[in-house]
Protein backbone atom coordinates (compact mmCIF):
# COMPACT_ATOMS: atom_id res chain seq x y z
CA MET A 1 -217.44 -53.22 -72.28
CA ILE A 2 -216.59 -56.24 -70.88
CA GLU A 3 -214.38 -58.58 -72.77
CA ILE A 4 -212.36 -61.45 -72.10
CA PRO A 5 -210.15 -59.94 -69.65
CA GLU A 6 -212.41 -58.13 -67.69
CA ALA A 7 -215.08 -61.08 -67.58
CA SER A 8 -212.48 -63.53 -65.87
CA VAL A 9 -211.77 -60.63 -63.40
CA LEU A 10 -215.25 -59.92 -62.34
CA ALA A 11 -216.03 -63.42 -62.23
CA ARG A 12 -213.13 -64.21 -60.02
CA GLN A 13 -214.08 -60.97 -57.64
CA LEU A 14 -218.08 -61.95 -57.58
CA THR A 15 -216.43 -65.31 -56.18
CA GLU A 16 -214.19 -63.91 -53.89
CA THR A 17 -216.57 -61.73 -52.94
CA ILE A 18 -220.30 -62.69 -52.82
CA SER A 19 -219.65 -66.76 -52.68
CA GLY A 20 -222.03 -68.20 -49.77
CA ARG A 21 -224.34 -65.05 -49.43
CA THR A 22 -227.71 -65.56 -49.96
CA ILE A 23 -230.06 -63.17 -52.21
CA VAL A 24 -232.79 -61.60 -49.96
CA THR A 25 -233.86 -58.96 -52.96
CA ALA A 26 -233.65 -58.98 -56.29
CA VAL A 27 -234.97 -56.17 -58.13
CA ALA A 28 -235.26 -55.91 -62.01
CA ALA A 29 -235.93 -52.83 -64.41
CA SER A 30 -236.23 -50.53 -61.41
CA THR A 31 -234.68 -47.99 -64.04
CA PRO A 32 -236.30 -48.40 -67.45
CA ASN A 33 -234.07 -49.02 -69.95
CA ALA A 34 -234.94 -49.88 -73.76
CA MET A 35 -231.57 -51.52 -74.35
CA ALA A 36 -231.26 -53.63 -71.31
CA TRP A 37 -232.62 -57.29 -72.12
CA TYR A 38 -233.88 -59.51 -69.73
CA PHE A 39 -234.90 -63.42 -69.61
CA GLY A 40 -238.44 -63.29 -69.49
CA ASP A 41 -240.69 -60.90 -67.20
CA PRO A 42 -238.23 -59.13 -65.26
CA SER A 43 -240.70 -58.49 -62.31
CA GLN A 44 -240.37 -62.16 -62.02
CA TYR A 45 -236.77 -61.87 -61.29
CA GLY A 46 -237.51 -61.42 -57.25
CA GLU A 47 -239.12 -64.68 -57.18
CA ARG A 48 -236.58 -66.50 -59.16
CA LEU A 49 -233.91 -65.78 -57.07
CA GLN A 50 -234.52 -64.32 -53.60
CA GLY A 51 -233.33 -67.31 -51.20
CA ARG A 52 -230.91 -68.18 -53.60
CA THR A 53 -227.29 -69.03 -52.21
CA VAL A 54 -224.22 -67.76 -54.51
CA THR A 55 -222.28 -70.76 -55.25
CA GLY A 56 -219.84 -68.87 -57.23
CA ALA A 57 -219.29 -67.25 -60.79
CA ALA A 58 -217.63 -68.11 -63.94
CA SER A 59 -216.90 -66.27 -67.07
CA TYR A 60 -217.95 -67.45 -71.02
CA GLY A 61 -216.14 -65.27 -73.59
CA GLY A 62 -217.21 -61.71 -72.41
CA LEU A 63 -220.13 -62.94 -70.13
CA VAL A 64 -220.17 -62.92 -66.69
CA GLU A 65 -222.24 -65.42 -64.57
CA ILE A 66 -223.54 -66.01 -61.46
CA GLU A 67 -224.25 -69.56 -60.22
CA ALA A 68 -227.00 -69.33 -57.19
CA GLY A 69 -228.14 -72.92 -56.91
CA GLN A 70 -230.33 -73.87 -60.18
CA MET A 71 -230.50 -70.50 -60.89
CA ARG A 72 -227.80 -68.48 -62.82
CA VAL A 73 -227.58 -64.33 -63.31
CA CYS A 74 -225.78 -63.88 -66.83
CA PHE A 75 -224.44 -60.25 -67.72
CA GLY A 76 -223.44 -59.46 -71.15
CA ASP A 77 -220.68 -56.99 -72.46
CA GLY A 78 -222.70 -53.48 -71.98
CA VAL A 79 -223.46 -54.14 -68.04
CA ASN A 80 -221.50 -52.31 -65.71
CA LEU A 81 -221.14 -54.46 -62.27
CA ARG A 82 -220.35 -53.01 -59.00
CA TYR A 83 -220.18 -54.52 -55.37
CA TYR A 84 -221.52 -52.26 -52.37
CA ALA A 85 -220.11 -53.43 -49.14
CA PRO A 86 -222.67 -53.42 -46.22
CA GLY A 87 -223.69 -50.16 -45.22
CA ALA A 88 -222.69 -48.43 -48.42
CA LYS A 89 -224.97 -45.97 -50.39
CA ARG A 90 -226.36 -47.79 -52.94
CA PRO A 91 -227.05 -46.48 -56.67
CA ASP A 92 -231.00 -44.81 -57.05
CA LYS A 93 -230.83 -45.84 -60.78
CA HIS A 94 -230.26 -49.77 -61.95
CA GLN A 95 -231.39 -52.21 -63.79
CA LEU A 96 -230.74 -55.04 -61.78
CA LEU A 97 -230.21 -54.64 -58.02
CA LEU A 98 -229.30 -57.74 -55.72
CA VAL A 99 -228.98 -57.20 -52.40
CA PHE A 100 -227.33 -60.18 -49.68
CA ASP A 101 -228.13 -61.14 -46.40
CA ASN A 102 -224.89 -59.39 -44.78
CA ASP A 103 -226.55 -56.24 -46.41
CA SER A 104 -223.98 -55.99 -48.83
CA ALA A 105 -225.16 -55.92 -52.57
CA VAL A 106 -224.13 -56.12 -56.47
CA ALA A 107 -225.90 -53.04 -58.95
CA ALA A 108 -226.07 -53.86 -62.76
CA THR A 109 -226.36 -50.93 -65.25
CA VAL A 110 -226.80 -50.09 -68.60
CA GLN A 111 -225.42 -47.04 -70.44
CA MET A 112 -225.58 -47.83 -73.91
CA TYR A 113 -226.84 -51.86 -74.21
CA GLY A 114 -226.62 -54.99 -72.23
CA GLY A 115 -228.36 -58.37 -71.53
CA LEU A 116 -229.29 -59.34 -67.54
CA TRP A 117 -230.75 -62.80 -67.66
CA ALA A 118 -231.92 -64.72 -64.71
CA PHE A 119 -233.15 -67.86 -65.59
CA PRO A 120 -232.52 -71.98 -64.48
CA ASP A 121 -229.73 -73.52 -65.25
CA GLY A 122 -230.07 -75.02 -69.13
CA MET A 123 -233.21 -72.72 -69.94
CA ASN A 124 -231.00 -69.98 -71.68
CA ASP A 125 -231.22 -70.76 -75.24
CA ASN A 126 -229.64 -67.40 -76.59
CA PRO A 127 -227.19 -68.22 -79.47
CA TYR A 128 -224.66 -65.81 -78.14
CA TYR A 129 -225.03 -67.37 -74.62
CA LEU A 130 -224.92 -70.94 -76.00
CA VAL A 131 -221.95 -70.46 -78.28
CA ALA A 132 -219.87 -68.27 -75.46
CA LYS A 133 -220.10 -71.28 -73.60
CA GLN A 134 -219.62 -73.93 -76.15
CA LYS A 135 -216.21 -72.32 -77.47
CA PRO A 136 -212.90 -72.91 -75.86
CA SER A 137 -211.93 -70.18 -73.33
CA VAL A 138 -208.65 -68.52 -74.69
CA SER A 139 -206.89 -69.67 -71.32
CA SER A 140 -207.80 -73.00 -71.58
CA SER A 141 -205.30 -75.80 -73.26
CA GLU A 142 -208.10 -76.69 -75.88
CA PHE A 143 -207.18 -72.94 -77.39
CA SER A 144 -204.59 -74.37 -79.11
CA PHE A 145 -202.93 -73.33 -82.34
CA PRO A 146 -204.17 -76.17 -84.14
CA TYR A 147 -207.43 -75.20 -82.90
CA PHE A 148 -207.15 -71.53 -84.15
CA HIS A 149 -205.92 -72.61 -87.58
CA THR A 150 -209.30 -74.47 -88.06
CA LEU A 151 -211.07 -71.19 -87.76
CA LEU A 152 -209.39 -69.71 -90.84
CA THR A 153 -211.39 -71.55 -93.75
CA ASP A 154 -210.93 -70.54 -97.55
CA LYS A 155 -213.68 -68.08 -96.97
CA GLU A 156 -212.03 -66.57 -93.93
CA GLY A 157 -208.88 -65.88 -95.65
CA ARG A 158 -210.12 -62.91 -97.53
CA LYS A 159 -211.81 -61.49 -94.54
CA SER A 160 -209.79 -58.60 -92.87
CA ALA A 161 -208.17 -59.29 -89.70
CA LYS A 162 -210.37 -57.25 -87.78
CA ALA A 163 -213.48 -59.18 -89.36
CA PHE A 164 -211.94 -62.37 -88.53
CA LEU A 165 -210.91 -61.80 -84.90
CA ALA A 166 -213.93 -59.70 -83.67
CA THR A 167 -216.80 -60.92 -85.55
CA GLU A 168 -219.35 -63.82 -85.90
CA GLN A 169 -218.22 -64.70 -82.33
CA ARG A 170 -215.18 -66.98 -83.74
CA ILE A 171 -213.91 -66.20 -80.45
CA PRO A 172 -216.43 -65.00 -78.17
CA GLY A 173 -215.64 -61.83 -75.91
CA LEU A 174 -212.74 -60.91 -78.24
CA GLY A 175 -214.03 -57.41 -79.45
CA ASN A 176 -212.81 -54.22 -81.05
CA GLY A 177 -211.59 -53.22 -77.54
CA VAL A 178 -209.17 -55.98 -76.77
CA LEU A 179 -208.77 -56.18 -80.60
CA GLN A 180 -206.37 -53.13 -81.21
CA ASP A 181 -203.20 -54.33 -78.88
CA ILE A 182 -203.65 -57.88 -80.22
CA LEU A 183 -203.10 -56.47 -84.00
CA TRP A 184 -200.28 -53.96 -82.89
CA ARG A 185 -198.53 -56.53 -80.81
CA ALA A 186 -198.91 -58.89 -83.90
CA GLY A 187 -197.79 -56.46 -86.43
CA VAL A 188 -200.99 -56.91 -88.26
CA HIS A 189 -203.28 -54.03 -89.63
CA PRO A 190 -206.84 -54.24 -89.27
CA LYS A 191 -207.81 -53.80 -92.91
CA ARG A 192 -205.14 -56.96 -93.78
CA LYS A 193 -206.34 -59.71 -95.62
CA MET A 194 -205.93 -62.88 -93.33
CA ASP A 195 -204.38 -64.98 -95.92
CA THR A 196 -201.37 -62.62 -96.06
CA VAL A 197 -201.10 -63.02 -92.16
CA ASP A 198 -198.68 -64.95 -90.32
CA LEU A 199 -201.18 -66.92 -88.75
CA ARG A 200 -198.88 -68.25 -85.95
CA GLY A 201 -197.73 -64.93 -84.92
CA LEU A 202 -201.22 -64.33 -84.56
CA TYR A 203 -202.24 -66.90 -82.61
CA ASP A 204 -199.49 -65.83 -80.21
CA ALA A 205 -200.39 -62.16 -80.02
CA VAL A 206 -204.05 -63.37 -79.19
CA THR A 207 -203.07 -65.37 -75.95
CA SER A 208 -200.14 -63.32 -74.91
CA VAL A 209 -202.08 -60.06 -74.89
CA LEU A 210 -205.40 -61.49 -73.18
CA ALA A 211 -203.23 -63.20 -70.76
CA ASP A 212 -201.50 -59.74 -69.90
CA MET A 213 -204.56 -58.27 -69.89
CA THR A 214 -206.36 -60.64 -67.44
CA ALA A 215 -203.27 -61.04 -65.25
CA SER A 216 -202.87 -57.14 -64.82
CA GLY A 217 -206.89 -57.10 -63.71
CA GLY A 218 -208.17 -55.71 -66.92
CA ARG A 219 -207.53 -53.05 -68.81
CA ASP A 220 -207.05 -49.76 -67.77
CA THR A 221 -209.88 -48.11 -69.59
CA GLU A 222 -212.50 -50.21 -67.95
CA LYS A 223 -213.38 -51.04 -64.19
CA ASP A 224 -213.42 -53.54 -62.08
CA LEU A 225 -216.12 -54.79 -59.47
CA PHE A 226 -215.07 -52.52 -56.97
CA GLY A 227 -215.04 -49.49 -59.64
CA ASN A 228 -210.81 -49.47 -59.94
CA PRO A 229 -209.46 -49.18 -63.27
CA GLY A 230 -207.54 -52.27 -64.72
CA GLY A 231 -203.99 -52.43 -64.51
CA TYR A 232 -202.95 -53.16 -68.29
CA ALA A 233 -202.02 -50.11 -69.93
CA VAL A 234 -203.58 -49.96 -73.25
CA VAL A 235 -201.14 -49.07 -75.94
CA MET A 236 -203.41 -48.58 -79.19
CA GLY A 237 -206.65 -46.25 -78.01
CA SER A 238 -208.25 -43.13 -77.91
CA LYS A 239 -205.94 -41.50 -75.24
CA HIS A 240 -202.53 -42.38 -77.16
CA ASN A 241 -203.95 -40.90 -80.42
CA GLY A 242 -201.24 -39.27 -81.87
CA GLU A 243 -198.50 -40.16 -79.50
CA PRO A 244 -195.27 -42.01 -80.53
CA CYS A 245 -195.78 -45.96 -80.70
CA PRO A 246 -193.96 -47.60 -78.52
CA THR A 247 -191.92 -49.48 -80.43
CA CYS A 248 -190.88 -47.24 -83.24
CA GLY A 249 -191.87 -43.54 -82.58
CA THR A 250 -194.29 -43.05 -85.51
CA PRO A 251 -197.17 -41.43 -84.44
CA ILE A 252 -200.57 -43.68 -83.52
CA THR A 253 -203.27 -43.38 -86.02
CA ARG A 254 -206.95 -43.72 -85.38
CA MET A 255 -209.56 -44.12 -88.43
CA SER A 256 -212.75 -45.57 -88.84
CA TYR A 257 -213.60 -49.07 -90.03
CA MET A 258 -216.13 -51.47 -89.66
CA GLY A 259 -218.71 -49.20 -87.67
CA GLY A 260 -215.75 -48.44 -84.99
CA ASN A 261 -212.52 -46.81 -84.38
CA VAL A 262 -209.54 -48.83 -84.75
CA TYR A 263 -205.74 -47.27 -83.71
CA VAL A 264 -202.90 -48.38 -85.42
CA CYS A 265 -199.21 -47.75 -86.15
CA PRO A 266 -198.65 -46.90 -89.97
CA GLN A 267 -195.16 -48.13 -89.61
CA CYS A 268 -195.32 -51.53 -87.58
CA GLN A 269 -198.86 -52.36 -89.18
CA GLN A 270 -198.47 -51.92 -92.80
CA ILE A 271 -200.76 -53.75 -95.39
CA PRO A 272 -198.53 -55.68 -97.94
CA ALA A 273 -198.56 -54.16 -101.72
């Protein structure tokens, strides 16, 4: 799933790879998928995008957006993006295929769910999209500790750490995937109530872990634009369930919480009595 680090990496790779290229073919919904979400009628994507020249790409939280003149093509967290060099075989099945003037292509596929929105700049009123664009990037100076502190109201103080960080778009693009190592580095259990958490320590973990993941090309559990896994070795994940915690040696434990699995070190991430 695309979260903050992967979105940043994909946006950079798209900018480096397809900037200046003109879209000659755009095919949407070639392979039907009820959980692929489009902006309006996908049969109109060709008309909207053909002849548009890519000027760059950007990330907003967990969203990746290609800029093509006045048009935007935005991909949500469940979309897989792959670049195909000129002459390379492209996938037979896809939810969106963009072919460029040098015969290279970008294919977008959806396995579970995902948004693939092509729209004129300023016309997408999807609340998820608008919040992602409006809130400060974790890597920006605007995402300061005073700003982070404003997110924790009295109401949020009784929420768990997982609920606070990974729900309600408080920090767009911070999902259950990147959450695991953030909480482990902060020494915070996912179920721990926020009013018992060292907020400065949690802020430092959020910013440092996401910076490390981004600098390393994303997590090793996800793939980039060219199909390569990221270079950040995830500590708290399914591959390491039952293995010793790198800090204390206690076996890593998996549990189900809030609709997904969480991985914790029972020693490093205790809940206060």
